[in-house]
Amino acid sequence: MEIRFVTWGTYKESKKVLIALELKKENYKVNIYTFDESIANKEFQDKMMTVWTKGGAVDFPEGMVQIERPLSEDSLLPDDLRVEKTGKIRNLQNEWAYLLLTEKLVESIVEEIKDIKQKVFDSAVYVKDAFEQTKNIWEKILEHRRERNINNDKVDELKTEVNAIFDRLKELRNEENKKYGEQADVIYTELKTKIGEALESINKNNPAKELFEQLKELRNNINKLTLRKPSREELHTYLDEAFDLLKNRRNSRESKVNDKRIQDLTEIIFKLEKSLDFDKKDLDFNKRKTNDRNVNQLEAKLREAKIKMLEEKVESKEEKLLDVRNTLQAILDKQK
């Protein structure tokens, strides 16, 4: 996620200025740098756009004005600064608030893991509640990863700490490990059977949309349910064959349309609908979660920030989808 942004704007509605925004995560504030048009030549503008926004250092000319604003303000910019890209500024504020909340969330999870680890390693016997606590916090981490609140690198770091706790309890969990293996075998057999049934449905030319949704659900189950690594990899390969078969069937039908422009627009609509559907489901899921009494205040704030960000994304994608559909229809009408 970008923490620097540069755009042109106006000061007091008349004076043209180059505006640079920089998130300061350590104090939850935003530095705003403004450069009058007279000192922001093209060379400086290009450096700010290509170097500074990527984290590089750029020497600021004399005459630069710096403002510091809390991220909690209703608007990132003061009233006397205006930009054309108001939507981008609003999105930046939502994304930055979300970023800081996720980092605070990670800090709270790290502290919780630290407390559990100390209890486990200070004990000479199996601590049953520690096992449940560790399992619950790992599930919480996975849930936040699925919701993209924690990135994969940080999940890997947390996984190392969680695994250390599980390793300490491993010798006293033999019976649990046997149950784990039995459960994985049952799930593997069920998922493989369902993939086989999906392949049969594809060969019978059943509706592609329903099949695609079915395959997506199977992919999610393979990723989240209890499976051994080799079994999971085998199921992914088997499922890839089903996706390829469905894709080839769809492509064979679309090959009748020779106009590449129509094909490109159709693909764009498909991806937008898929992405929009995902965001709507994600938004609906997060709205339902607002009534969950088992979340702490930090997680509630994080969810509020995410809902706001998702609402912006859904509105933007709906507008774009309508525009692409109108463009496609105009082309089709011309071919009549």
Protein backbone atom coordinates (compact mmCIF):
# COMPACT_ATOMS: atom_id res chain seq x y z
CA MET A 1 0.00 0.00 0.00
CA GLU A 2 1.41 3.39 -0.99
CA ILE A 3 2.23 5.81 1.84
CA ARG A 4 3.15 8.74 -0.42
CA PHE A 5 1.04 10.52 -3.02
CA VAL A 6 1.58 13.54 -5.29
CA THR A 7 -0.96 15.56 -7.26
CA TRP A 8 -1.63 19.08 -8.49
CA GLY A 9 -4.13 21.27 -6.71
CA THR A 10 -4.97 24.84 -5.82
CA TYR A 11 -4.38 26.98 -2.75
CA LYS A 12 -7.28 29.24 -1.78
CA GLU A 13 -9.01 28.30 -5.06
CA SER A 14 -6.64 30.25 -7.30
CA LYS A 15 -2.99 29.52 -6.66
CA LYS A 16 -1.76 26.38 -8.42
CA VAL A 17 0.42 24.18 -6.18
CA LEU A 18 1.99 20.73 -6.25
CA ILE A 19 0.73 18.77 -3.23
CA ALA A 20 2.63 15.84 -1.70
CA LEU A 21 1.11 13.65 1.03
CA GLU A 22 3.13 11.33 3.28
CA LEU A 23 1.76 8.98 5.94
CA LYS A 24 3.72 9.01 9.23
CA LYS A 25 2.75 5.72 10.80
CA GLU A 26 4.64 6.30 14.01
CA ASN A 27 2.37 9.15 15.14
CA TYR A 28 -0.81 8.49 13.12
CA LYS A 29 -0.41 11.74 11.20
CA VAL A 30 0.03 12.93 7.62
CA ASN A 31 2.65 15.38 6.41
CA ILE A 32 1.42 17.66 3.64
CA TYR A 33 4.04 19.43 1.52
CA THR A 34 2.98 22.15 -0.92
CA PHE A 35 5.10 23.67 -3.67
CA ASP A 36 4.11 26.77 -5.54
CA GLU A 37 3.96 26.34 -9.30
CA SER A 38 6.90 28.72 -9.63
CA ILE A 39 9.26 26.34 -7.74
CA ALA A 40 7.78 23.04 -8.95
CA ASN A 41 9.30 22.78 -12.43
CA LYS A 42 8.79 19.72 -14.64
CA GLU A 43 12.03 18.06 -13.53
CA PHE A 44 11.07 18.38 -9.86
CA GLN A 45 7.53 17.20 -10.58
CA ASP A 46 8.84 14.11 -12.41
CA LYS A 47 11.16 13.25 -9.52
CA MET A 48 8.34 13.57 -7.02
CA MET A 49 6.07 11.37 -9.13
CA THR A 50 8.61 8.65 -9.95
CA VAL A 51 11.18 8.74 -7.12
CA TRP A 52 9.64 10.26 -4.01
CA THR A 53 6.35 8.36 -4.23
CA LYS A 54 8.35 5.10 -4.37
CA GLY A 55 10.17 5.95 -1.13
CA GLY A 56 13.22 7.67 -2.63
CA ALA A 57 14.80 10.88 -1.41
CA VAL A 58 14.23 14.15 -3.28
CA ASP A 59 15.63 17.55 -2.26
CA PHE A 60 12.78 19.99 -1.66
CA PRO A 61 13.27 23.53 -3.01
CA GLU A 62 13.11 26.62 -0.83
CA GLY A 63 9.60 27.92 -0.44
CA MET A 64 8.08 24.56 0.38
CA VAL A 65 5.28 24.74 2.97
CA GLN A 66 4.75 21.81 5.35
CA ILE A 67 1.55 21.03 7.23
CA GLU A 68 0.96 18.18 9.68
CA ARG A 69 -2.58 16.85 10.11
CA PRO A 70 -3.98 13.99 12.20
CA LEU A 71 -5.25 11.10 10.13
CA SER A 72 -8.46 11.25 12.18
CA GLU A 73 -9.53 14.55 10.55
CA ASP A 74 -12.64 14.45 8.38
CA SER A 75 -10.46 15.33 5.37
CA LEU A 76 -6.74 14.85 4.79
CA LEU A 77 -6.50 18.30 3.23
CA PRO A 78 -7.22 21.61 4.97
CA ASP A 79 -10.06 23.73 3.61
CA ASP A 80 -7.77 26.07 1.64
CA LEU A 81 -6.28 23.20 -0.42
CA ARG A 82 -8.33 21.73 -3.26
CA VAL A 83 -7.61 18.89 -5.69
CA GLU A 84 -9.49 17.44 -8.65
CA LYS A 85 -8.90 13.86 -7.45
CA THR A 86 -11.07 14.14 -4.35
CA GLY A 87 -12.02 10.46 -4.63
CA LYS A 88 -8.37 9.43 -4.59
CA ILE A 89 -7.71 11.52 -1.48
CA ARG A 90 -10.74 10.00 0.26
CA ASN A 91 -9.59 6.50 -0.70
CA LEU A 92 -6.08 7.25 0.57
CA GLN A 93 -7.46 8.33 3.93
CA ASN A 94 -9.55 5.18 4.21
CA GLU A 95 -6.63 2.96 3.18
CA TRP A 96 -4.18 4.65 5.55
CA ALA A 97 -6.59 4.41 8.47
CA TYR A 98 -7.09 0.76 7.63
CA LEU A 99 -3.31 0.20 7.38
CA LEU A 100 -2.64 1.66 10.82
CA LEU A 101 -5.45 -0.35 12.38
CA THR A 102 -4.08 -3.56 10.87
CA GLU A 103 -0.63 -2.83 12.29
CA LYS A 104 -2.14 -2.22 15.70
CA LEU A 105 -4.07 -5.46 15.32
CA VAL A 106 -0.83 -7.35 14.60
CA GLU A 107 0.77 -5.84 17.70
CA SER A 108 -2.10 -7.09 19.86
CA ILE A 109 -1.84 -10.58 18.34
CA VAL A 110 1.93 -10.66 18.95
CA GLU A 111 1.39 -9.79 22.62
CA GLU A 112 -1.25 -12.49 22.97
CA ILE A 113 1.06 -15.11 21.44
CA LYS A 114 3.87 -13.98 23.73
CA ASP A 115 1.70 -14.53 26.82
CA ILE A 116 0.62 -18.01 25.68
CA LYS A 117 4.20 -18.99 24.78
CA GLN A 118 5.49 -17.97 28.19
CA LYS A 119 2.77 -20.01 29.92
CA VAL A 120 3.53 -23.10 27.79
CA PHE A 121 7.30 -23.01 28.12
CA ASP A 122 7.12 -22.35 31.85
CA SER A 123 4.95 -25.42 32.34
CA ALA A 124 6.19 -29.00 32.75
CA VAL A 125 2.83 -30.57 31.88
CA TYR A 126 0.39 -30.37 29.03
CA VAL A 127 -1.67 -27.19 29.25
CA LYS A 128 -5.01 -27.93 27.65
CA ASP A 129 -6.32 -24.38 27.64
CA ALA A 130 -3.03 -23.23 26.06
CA PHE A 131 -3.63 -25.59 23.15
CA GLU A 132 -7.13 -24.20 22.65
CA GLN A 133 -5.89 -20.64 22.98
CA THR A 134 -3.13 -21.24 20.44
CA LYS A 135 -5.52 -22.88 18.03
CA ASN A 136 -8.01 -20.04 18.40
CA ILE A 137 -5.44 -17.32 17.83
CA TRP A 138 -4.10 -19.14 14.77
CA GLU A 139 -7.63 -19.37 13.38
CA LYS A 140 -7.98 -15.66 14.05
CA ILE A 141 -4.76 -15.04 12.12
CA LEU A 142 -5.99 -17.15 9.22
CA GLU A 143 -9.31 -15.32 9.23
CA HIS A 144 -7.54 -11.97 9.09
CA ARG A 145 -5.35 -13.29 6.27
CA ARG A 146 -8.43 -14.40 4.32
CA GLU A 147 -9.87 -10.94 4.86
CA ARG A 148 -6.49 -9.47 3.80
CA ASN A 149 -6.01 -7.67 7.13
CA ILE A 150 -2.58 -9.33 7.61
CA ASN A 151 -0.15 -9.93 4.74
CA ASN A 152 1.44 -13.31 4.05
CA ASP A 153 4.93 -12.30 5.27
CA LYS A 154 3.58 -11.30 8.67
CA VAL A 155 1.45 -14.45 8.81
CA ASP A 156 4.60 -16.49 8.21
CA GLU A 157 6.33 -14.72 11.12
CA LEU A 158 3.38 -15.35 13.42
CA LYS A 159 3.20 -18.94 12.20
CA THR A 160 6.78 -19.52 13.40
CA GLU A 161 5.82 -18.42 16.91
CA VAL A 162 2.60 -20.43 16.89
CA ASN A 163 4.45 -23.52 15.65
CA ALA A 164 6.92 -23.19 18.51
CA ILE A 165 4.02 -23.43 20.95
CA PHE A 166 2.50 -26.40 19.17
CA ASP A 167 5.90 -28.17 19.08
CA ARG A 168 6.17 -27.77 22.84
CA LEU A 169 2.82 -29.54 23.22
CA LYS A 170 3.36 -32.10 20.47
CA GLU A 171 4.38 -35.11 22.55
CA LEU A 172 1.23 -34.79 24.62
CA ARG A 173 -0.98 -34.49 21.56
CA ASN A 174 -0.48 -37.93 19.97
CA GLU A 175 -4.11 -38.83 20.24
CA GLU A 176 -5.14 -35.49 18.75
CA ASN A 177 -2.69 -36.00 15.86
CA LYS A 178 -4.27 -39.38 15.05
CA LYS A 179 -7.68 -37.75 14.91
CA TYR A 180 -6.21 -35.06 12.71
CA GLY A 181 -4.96 -37.66 10.25
CA GLU A 182 -8.26 -39.50 10.16
CA GLN A 183 -10.17 -36.27 9.60
CA ALA A 184 -7.80 -35.24 6.79
CA ASP A 185 -8.35 -38.56 5.01
CA VAL A 186 -12.12 -38.20 5.17
CA ILE A 187 -12.01 -34.62 3.87
CA TYR A 188 -9.58 -35.60 1.08
CA THR A 189 -11.91 -38.37 -0.12
CA GLU A 190 -14.99 -36.13 -0.03
CA LEU A 191 -13.30 -33.29 -1.93
CA LYS A 192 -11.84 -35.61 -4.58
CA THR A 193 -15.28 -37.14 -5.15
CA LYS A 194 -16.85 -33.69 -5.55
CA ILE A 195 -14.19 -32.64 -8.07
CA GLY A 196 -14.87 -35.81 -10.05
CA GLU A 197 -18.58 -35.03 -10.07
CA ALA A 198 -17.82 -31.49 -11.28
CA LEU A 199 -15.76 -32.87 -14.17
CA GLU A 200 -18.68 -35.07 -15.21
CA SER A 201 -21.00 -32.05 -15.13
CA ILE A 202 -18.61 -30.06 -17.33
CA ASN A 203 -18.50 -32.87 -19.89
CA LYS A 204 -22.32 -32.95 -19.86
CA ASN A 205 -22.37 -29.22 -20.77
CA ASN A 206 -24.14 -28.18 -17.58
CA PRO A 207 -24.44 -24.37 -17.02
CA ALA A 208 -20.97 -22.84 -16.85
CA LYS A 209 -21.80 -20.19 -14.24
CA GLU A 210 -23.02 -22.72 -11.68
CA LEU A 211 -20.02 -24.95 -12.37
CA PHE A 212 -17.61 -22.06 -11.97
CA GLU A 213 -19.11 -21.17 -8.58
CA GLN A 214 -18.93 -24.81 -7.55
CA LEU A 215 -15.24 -25.02 -8.49
CA LYS A 216 -14.50 -21.79 -6.60
CA GLU A 217 -16.15 -23.21 -3.49
CA LEU A 218 -14.07 -26.40 -3.82
CA ARG A 219 -10.89 -24.30 -4.11
CA ASN A 220 -11.78 -22.45 -0.91
CA ASN A 221 -12.47 -25.74 0.90
CA ILE A 222 -9.14 -27.21 -0.23
CA ASN A 223 -7.33 -24.17 1.15
CA LYS A 224 -9.08 -23.91 4.50
CA LEU A 225 -10.02 -27.47 5.53
CA THR A 226 -7.76 -29.92 7.35
CA LEU A 227 -5.53 -31.72 4.82
CA ARG A 228 -2.02 -33.13 4.58
CA LYS A 229 0.25 -31.12 2.30
CA PRO A 230 0.62 -33.84 -0.42
CA SER A 231 -3.15 -34.37 -0.43
CA ARG A 232 -3.78 -30.66 -0.74
CA GLU A 233 -1.36 -30.36 -3.67
CA GLU A 234 -2.95 -33.34 -5.41
CA LEU A 235 -6.43 -31.87 -5.03
CA HIS A 236 -5.26 -28.50 -6.36
CA THR A 237 -3.84 -30.22 -9.46
CA TYR A 238 -7.05 -32.20 -9.97
CA LEU A 239 -9.14 -29.05 -9.55
CA ASP A 240 -6.91 -27.16 -12.03
CA GLU A 241 -7.85 -29.78 -14.64
CA ALA A 242 -11.52 -29.02 -14.02
CA PHE A 243 -10.97 -25.26 -14.31
CA ASP A 244 -9.01 -25.74 -17.57
CA LEU A 245 -11.72 -27.96 -19.01
CA LEU A 246 -14.42 -25.42 -18.18
CA LYS A 247 -12.32 -22.57 -19.56
CA ASN A 248 -11.64 -24.44 -22.82
CA ARG A 249 -15.33 -25.16 -23.22
CA ARG A 250 -16.15 -21.49 -22.78
CA ASN A 251 -13.38 -20.40 -25.15
CA SER A 252 -14.62 -22.76 -27.87
CA ARG A 253 -17.98 -21.01 -27.77
CA GLU A 254 -16.46 -17.56 -27.73
CA SER A 255 -14.25 -18.39 -30.70
CA LYS A 256 -17.24 -17.68 -32.91
CA VAL A 257 -16.84 -14.03 -32.08
CA ASN A 258 -13.91 -12.76 -34.17
CA ASP A 259 -13.94 -9.18 -33.01
CA LYS A 260 -11.11 -8.91 -30.47
CA ARG A 261 -12.58 -5.75 -29.03
CA ILE A 262 -15.79 -7.53 -28.08
CA GLN A 263 -13.85 -10.41 -26.56
CA ASP A 264 -11.70 -8.02 -24.51
CA LEU A 265 -14.71 -6.14 -23.19
CA THR A 266 -16.46 -9.39 -22.32
CA GLU A 267 -13.43 -10.51 -20.32
CA ILE A 268 -13.33 -7.16 -18.54
CA ILE A 269 -17.00 -7.43 -17.60
CA PHE A 270 -16.47 -10.97 -16.30
CA LYS A 271 -13.55 -9.90 -14.12
CA LEU A 272 -15.37 -6.82 -12.87
CA GLU A 273 -18.46 -8.83 -11.96
CA LYS A 274 -16.33 -11.41 -10.21
CA SER A 275 -14.39 -8.73 -8.33
CA LEU A 276 -17.56 -6.79 -7.49
CA ASP A 277 -19.28 -9.94 -6.28
CA PHE A 278 -16.31 -10.72 -4.07
CA ASP A 279 -16.29 -7.19 -2.63
CA LYS A 280 -20.05 -7.26 -2.00
CA LYS A 281 -19.78 -10.58 -0.20
CA ASP A 282 -16.84 -9.26 1.76
CA LEU A 283 -18.81 -6.11 2.62
CA ASP A 284 -21.88 -8.11 3.64
CA PHE A 285 -19.73 -10.42 5.75
CA ASN A 286 -18.12 -7.49 7.55
CA LYS A 287 -21.47 -5.78 8.15
CA ARG A 288 -22.82 -8.96 9.74
CA LYS A 289 -19.70 -9.18 11.87
CA THR A 290 -20.41 -5.76 13.40
CA ASN A 291 -22.92 -7.49 15.69
CA ASP A 292 -20.34 -9.98 16.95
CA ARG A 293 -19.95 -9.43 20.69
CA ASN A 294 -16.74 -11.49 20.85
CA VAL A 295 -14.53 -8.89 19.15
CA ASN A 296 -12.54 -6.30 21.03
CA GLN A 297 -12.68 -2.54 20.48
CA LEU A 298 -9.66 -2.54 18.17
CA GLU A 299 -11.11 -5.23 15.93
CA ALA A 300 -14.42 -3.33 15.82
CA LYS A 301 -12.65 -0.15 14.68
CA LEU A 302 -10.73 -2.13 12.10
CA ARG A 303 -13.95 -3.59 10.75
CA GLU A 304 -15.57 -0.12 10.55
CA ALA A 305 -12.59 1.13 8.55
CA LYS A 306 -12.75 -1.87 6.26
CA ILE A 307 -16.50 -1.43 5.66
CA LYS A 308 -15.93 2.18 4.65
CA MET A 309 -13.14 1.20 2.28
CA LEU A 310 -15.21 -1.62 0.76
CA GLU A 311 -18.21 0.66 0.20
CA GLU A 312 -15.99 3.02 -1.78
CA LYS A 313 -14.64 0.11 -3.85
CA VAL A 314 -18.11 -1.28 -4.61
CA GLU A 315 -19.43 2.11 -5.73
CA SER A 316 -16.39 2.69 -7.98
CA LYS A 317 -16.58 -0.77 -9.55
CA GLU A 318 -20.33 -0.51 -10.19
CA GLU A 319 -19.77 2.74 -12.11
CA LYS A 320 -16.96 1.20 -14.13
CA LEU A 321 -18.98 -1.93 -14.88
CA LEU A 322 -21.89 0.14 -16.19
CA ASP A 323 -19.54 2.13 -18.44
CA VAL A 324 -17.95 -1.02 -19.92
CA ARG A 325 -21.35 -2.61 -20.52
CA ASN A 326 -22.55 0.50 -22.37
CA THR A 327 -19.41 0.49 -24.52
CA LEU A 328 -19.88 -3.16 -25.44
CA GLN A 329 -23.56 -2.65 -26.28
CA ALA A 330 -22.71 0.30 -28.53
CA ILE A 331 -20.26 -1.86 -30.50
CA LEU A 332 -22.76 -4.69 -30.84
CA ASP A 333 -25.45 -2.28 -32.02
CA LYS A 334 -23.17 -1.05 -34.79
CA GLN A 335 -22.73 -4.60 -36.11
CA LYS A 336 -26.49 -5.14 -36.54
